Protein backbone atom coordinates (compact mmCIF):
# COMPACT_ATOMS: atom_id res chain seq x y z
CA MET A 1 -2.54 21.12 29.95
CA THR A 2 -1.12 24.29 28.38
CA LYS A 3 -4.21 24.84 26.24
CA LEU A 4 -6.44 24.38 29.30
CA LEU A 5 -4.43 26.88 31.32
CA THR A 6 -4.30 29.37 28.46
CA ALA A 7 -8.03 29.11 27.89
CA ALA A 8 -8.78 29.45 31.59
CA VAL A 9 -6.57 32.49 32.14
CA VAL A 10 -7.71 34.30 29.01
CA ALA A 11 -11.31 33.60 30.09
CA ALA A 12 -10.85 36.09 32.92
CA GLY A 13 -11.25 38.83 30.36
CA LEU A 14 -13.11 37.16 27.52
CA VAL A 15 -15.91 35.06 29.02
CA LEU A 16 -17.02 37.62 31.55
CA ALA A 17 -17.05 40.57 29.17
CA THR A 18 -20.49 41.67 30.36
CA ALA A 19 -20.31 40.25 33.86
CA ALA A 20 -21.57 42.05 36.91
CA PRO A 21 -21.35 42.70 39.77
CA SER A 22 -17.65 43.31 40.11
CA VAL A 23 -15.32 44.24 42.91
CA ALA A 24 -11.97 45.99 42.59
CA ARG A 25 -9.50 46.31 45.42
CA GLU A 26 -5.85 47.24 45.42
CA LYS A 27 -4.63 43.63 45.59
CA GLN A 28 -7.53 41.78 43.94
CA ALA A 29 -10.34 42.01 41.42
CA ALA A 30 -13.43 39.85 40.99
CA VAL A 31 -16.08 39.61 38.31
CA GLY A 32 -19.01 37.28 38.00
CA THR A 33 -22.27 36.54 36.31
CA GLU A 34 -25.34 34.53 37.12
CA LEU A 35 -27.87 32.67 34.97
CA LEU A 36 -31.25 31.68 36.39
CA GLY A 37 -33.74 29.20 34.98
CA LYS A 38 -37.13 28.20 36.37
CA ALA A 39 -39.62 25.46 35.55
CA THR A 40 -42.78 23.90 36.94
CA ILE A 41 -42.94 20.18 37.71
CA GLU A 42 -45.62 18.49 35.60
CA SER A 43 -45.17 14.91 36.84
CA VAL A 44 -42.87 12.69 38.90
CA ASP A 45 -42.41 8.96 38.20
CA MET A 46 -40.83 7.48 41.33
CA GLN A 47 -40.15 4.11 39.65
CA THR A 48 -38.07 5.52 36.80
CA ARG A 49 -37.12 8.71 38.69
CA HIS A 50 -38.20 10.74 35.66
CA VAL A 51 -39.40 14.28 36.32
CA LEU A 52 -41.29 16.13 33.57
CA LEU A 53 -40.59 19.88 33.67
CA ARG A 54 -42.40 22.72 31.89
CA GLY A 55 -40.22 25.75 31.30
CA ASP A 56 -41.63 29.24 31.66
CA ASP A 57 -41.59 29.37 27.85
CA GLY A 58 -43.90 26.30 27.70
CA THR A 59 -41.31 23.76 26.58
CA LEU A 60 -41.37 20.30 28.15
CA GLN A 61 -38.31 18.33 29.20
CA THR A 62 -37.90 15.07 31.06
CA VAL A 63 -34.94 14.75 33.41
CA THR A 64 -33.78 11.62 35.19
CA VAL A 65 -33.00 12.25 38.84
CA GLY A 66 -30.19 10.17 40.30
CA PRO A 67 -30.26 8.29 43.62
CA GLN A 68 -28.22 11.03 45.30
CA VAL A 69 -31.45 13.09 45.42
CA GLN A 70 -32.73 11.74 48.72
CA ASN A 71 -35.95 13.73 48.97
CA LEU A 72 -37.54 13.10 45.57
CA GLY A 73 -40.65 11.70 47.27
CA GLN A 74 -41.52 15.23 48.44
CA VAL A 75 -41.63 16.63 44.91
CA LYS A 76 -45.17 17.11 43.57
CA PRO A 77 -46.71 18.40 40.34
CA GLY A 78 -47.02 22.17 40.51
CA ASP A 79 -43.80 22.61 42.53
CA ARG A 80 -41.30 25.09 41.10
CA VAL A 81 -37.69 24.22 40.29
CA SER A 82 -35.05 26.92 40.08
CA VAL A 83 -31.57 26.41 38.68
CA ARG A 84 -28.92 29.03 39.33
CA VAL A 85 -25.58 28.90 37.52
CA ARG A 86 -22.85 31.19 38.79
CA LEU A 87 -19.56 31.88 37.06
CA GLY A 88 -16.83 33.99 38.58
CA VAL A 89 -13.21 34.95 38.28
CA LEU A 90 -11.04 36.24 41.09
CA ALA A 91 -7.58 37.64 40.36
CA GLN A 92 -5.42 38.44 43.36
CA MET A 93 -1.81 39.06 44.18
CA ALA A 94 -0.12 35.90 45.42
CA ALA A 95 1.41 36.22 48.86
CA PRO A 96 5.21 36.66 48.54
CA ASN A 97 6.11 33.48 50.48
CA ASP A 98 3.10 31.39 49.46
CA ALA A 99 4.28 27.84 48.70
CA ALA A 100 0.99 26.72 47.12
CA PRO A 101 1.38 24.71 43.92
CA PRO A 102 0.99 26.69 40.68
CA VAL A 103 -2.29 24.95 39.85
CA GLY A 104 -5.04 23.84 42.23
CA GLN A 105 -8.60 22.60 42.09
CA ALA A 106 -11.39 22.07 44.60
CA ASP A 107 -14.85 20.55 44.26
CA ILE A 108 -17.90 22.08 45.92
CA VAL A 109 -20.81 19.79 46.83
CA GLY A 110 -23.85 20.17 49.05
CA ARG A 111 -27.36 18.80 49.31
CA ALA A 112 -30.44 19.15 51.43
CA ALA A 113 -30.67 17.13 54.63
CA PRO A 114 -32.91 14.06 54.60
CA GLY A 115 -36.52 15.20 54.99
CA ALA A 116 -35.88 18.75 53.79
CA ARG A 117 -37.14 20.17 50.50
CA PRO A 118 -34.95 18.88 47.64
CA ALA A 119 -31.99 21.13 46.92
CA GLY A 120 -28.37 20.75 45.96
CA LEU A 121 -25.21 22.54 44.93
CA VAL A 122 -22.28 21.35 42.82
CA GLY A 123 -19.35 23.37 41.67
CA GLU A 124 -15.66 23.65 41.25
CA ALA A 125 -12.88 26.14 41.73
CA PHE A 126 -9.78 26.09 39.54
CA ARG A 127 -6.76 28.24 40.44
CA VAL A 128 -3.65 28.96 38.41
CA ARG A 129 -0.69 31.10 39.48
CA VAL A 130 0.63 33.19 36.61
CA THR A 131 3.43 35.70 36.25
CA PHE A 132 2.27 39.09 35.01
CA ASN A 133 4.37 40.47 32.15
CA SER A 134 2.62 43.59 30.88
CA TYR A 135 -0.66 45.34 30.20
CA ASP A 136 -1.45 47.84 27.43
CA PRO A 137 -4.42 50.01 28.47
CA LYS A 138 -4.96 51.20 24.89
CA THR A 139 -5.50 47.69 23.49
CA ARG A 140 -6.61 46.24 26.87
CA ILE A 141 -4.32 43.27 26.26
CA ALA A 142 -2.60 41.60 29.21
CA HIS A 143 0.45 39.36 28.72
CA ILE A 144 1.25 36.62 31.22
CA THR A 145 3.49 33.59 31.67
CA LEU A 146 1.80 30.32 32.64
CA PRO A 147 3.31 27.95 35.23
CA ASP A 148 4.76 25.75 32.47
CA GLY A 149 6.63 28.74 30.96
CA ASN A 150 4.33 29.30 27.98
CA GLN A 151 3.21 32.82 27.19
CA ALA A 152 -0.46 33.82 26.92
CA SER A 153 -2.29 37.05 26.28
CA GLY A 154 -5.86 38.19 26.13
CA VAL A 155 -8.12 41.21 26.03
CA LEU A 156 -9.50 42.25 29.42
CA HIS A 157 -13.07 43.35 28.76
CA THR A 158 -14.20 44.40 32.22
CA LYS A 159 -13.13 47.68 33.80
CA THR A 160 -12.49 45.82 37.06
CA MET A 161 -9.90 43.53 35.47
CA GLN A 162 -8.41 46.40 33.43
CA ASP A 163 -7.92 48.48 36.58
CA PHE A 164 -6.38 45.50 38.39
CA ALA A 165 -3.93 44.82 35.52
CA ALA A 166 -3.01 48.50 35.32
CA GLY A 167 -1.83 48.33 38.94
CA LEU A 168 0.49 45.37 38.39
CA LYS A 169 4.18 45.42 37.51
CA ALA A 170 6.21 42.95 35.47
CA GLY A 171 7.11 39.88 37.53
CA ASP A 172 4.13 40.08 39.91
CA LYS A 173 2.67 36.67 40.78
CA VAL A 174 -1.12 36.56 40.41
CA ASP A 175 -3.51 33.81 41.43
CA VAL A 176 -6.43 33.59 39.00
CA THR A 177 -9.31 31.49 40.33
CA PHE A 178 -12.30 30.42 38.24
CA ILE A 179 -15.42 29.36 40.10
CA ARG A 180 -18.46 27.65 38.61
CA SER A 181 -21.46 26.43 40.57
CA VAL A 182 -24.93 25.11 39.87
CA ALA A 183 -27.61 25.26 42.57
CA ILE A 184 -31.01 23.56 42.25
CA ALA A 185 -33.93 24.10 44.62
CA VAL A 186 -37.55 22.96 44.67
CA THR A 187 -40.23 25.15 46.22
CA PRO A 188 -43.88 24.24 46.79
CA GLY A 189 -46.34 25.18 44.03
CA ALA A 190 -49.01 27.81 44.50
């Protein structure tokens, strides 16, 4: 668990080194990035639920679509599939009397209504409450204490997170939330 928490907290500065857009406020900072992929549907086999996709670079890939995709019968060759992956980190001051547990997780799930064009969203949010120890603006290294008492440190690569850390004082409680989601949508072909 310690390694997971350390990796997750340090990721606030390391993974999103080139992330944008970002938001900085006095009591919170957020950074995020988005990856987008698109493909054209070449064929759909309803018996096996195999869908053959052609990427914009010409590569072919077969994916097996599970039974949770209710509207597969509407998908036709020539339709476009878009996949959007979003990653984000939100760091915010914990409320002084907040009794939330030091670690929390939530799942995010959604899908198109029966009869609608196929679409879906899955994701998760993972939150950890850390104690801020120090930040050195010259090295951009932040030092924190994890809920289990272990120490962690990492370089904060984004200006948003650097500015947030510079405004903290030793002993401040900070909730760091990591959000990851994948959205898939099918649109009619031309």
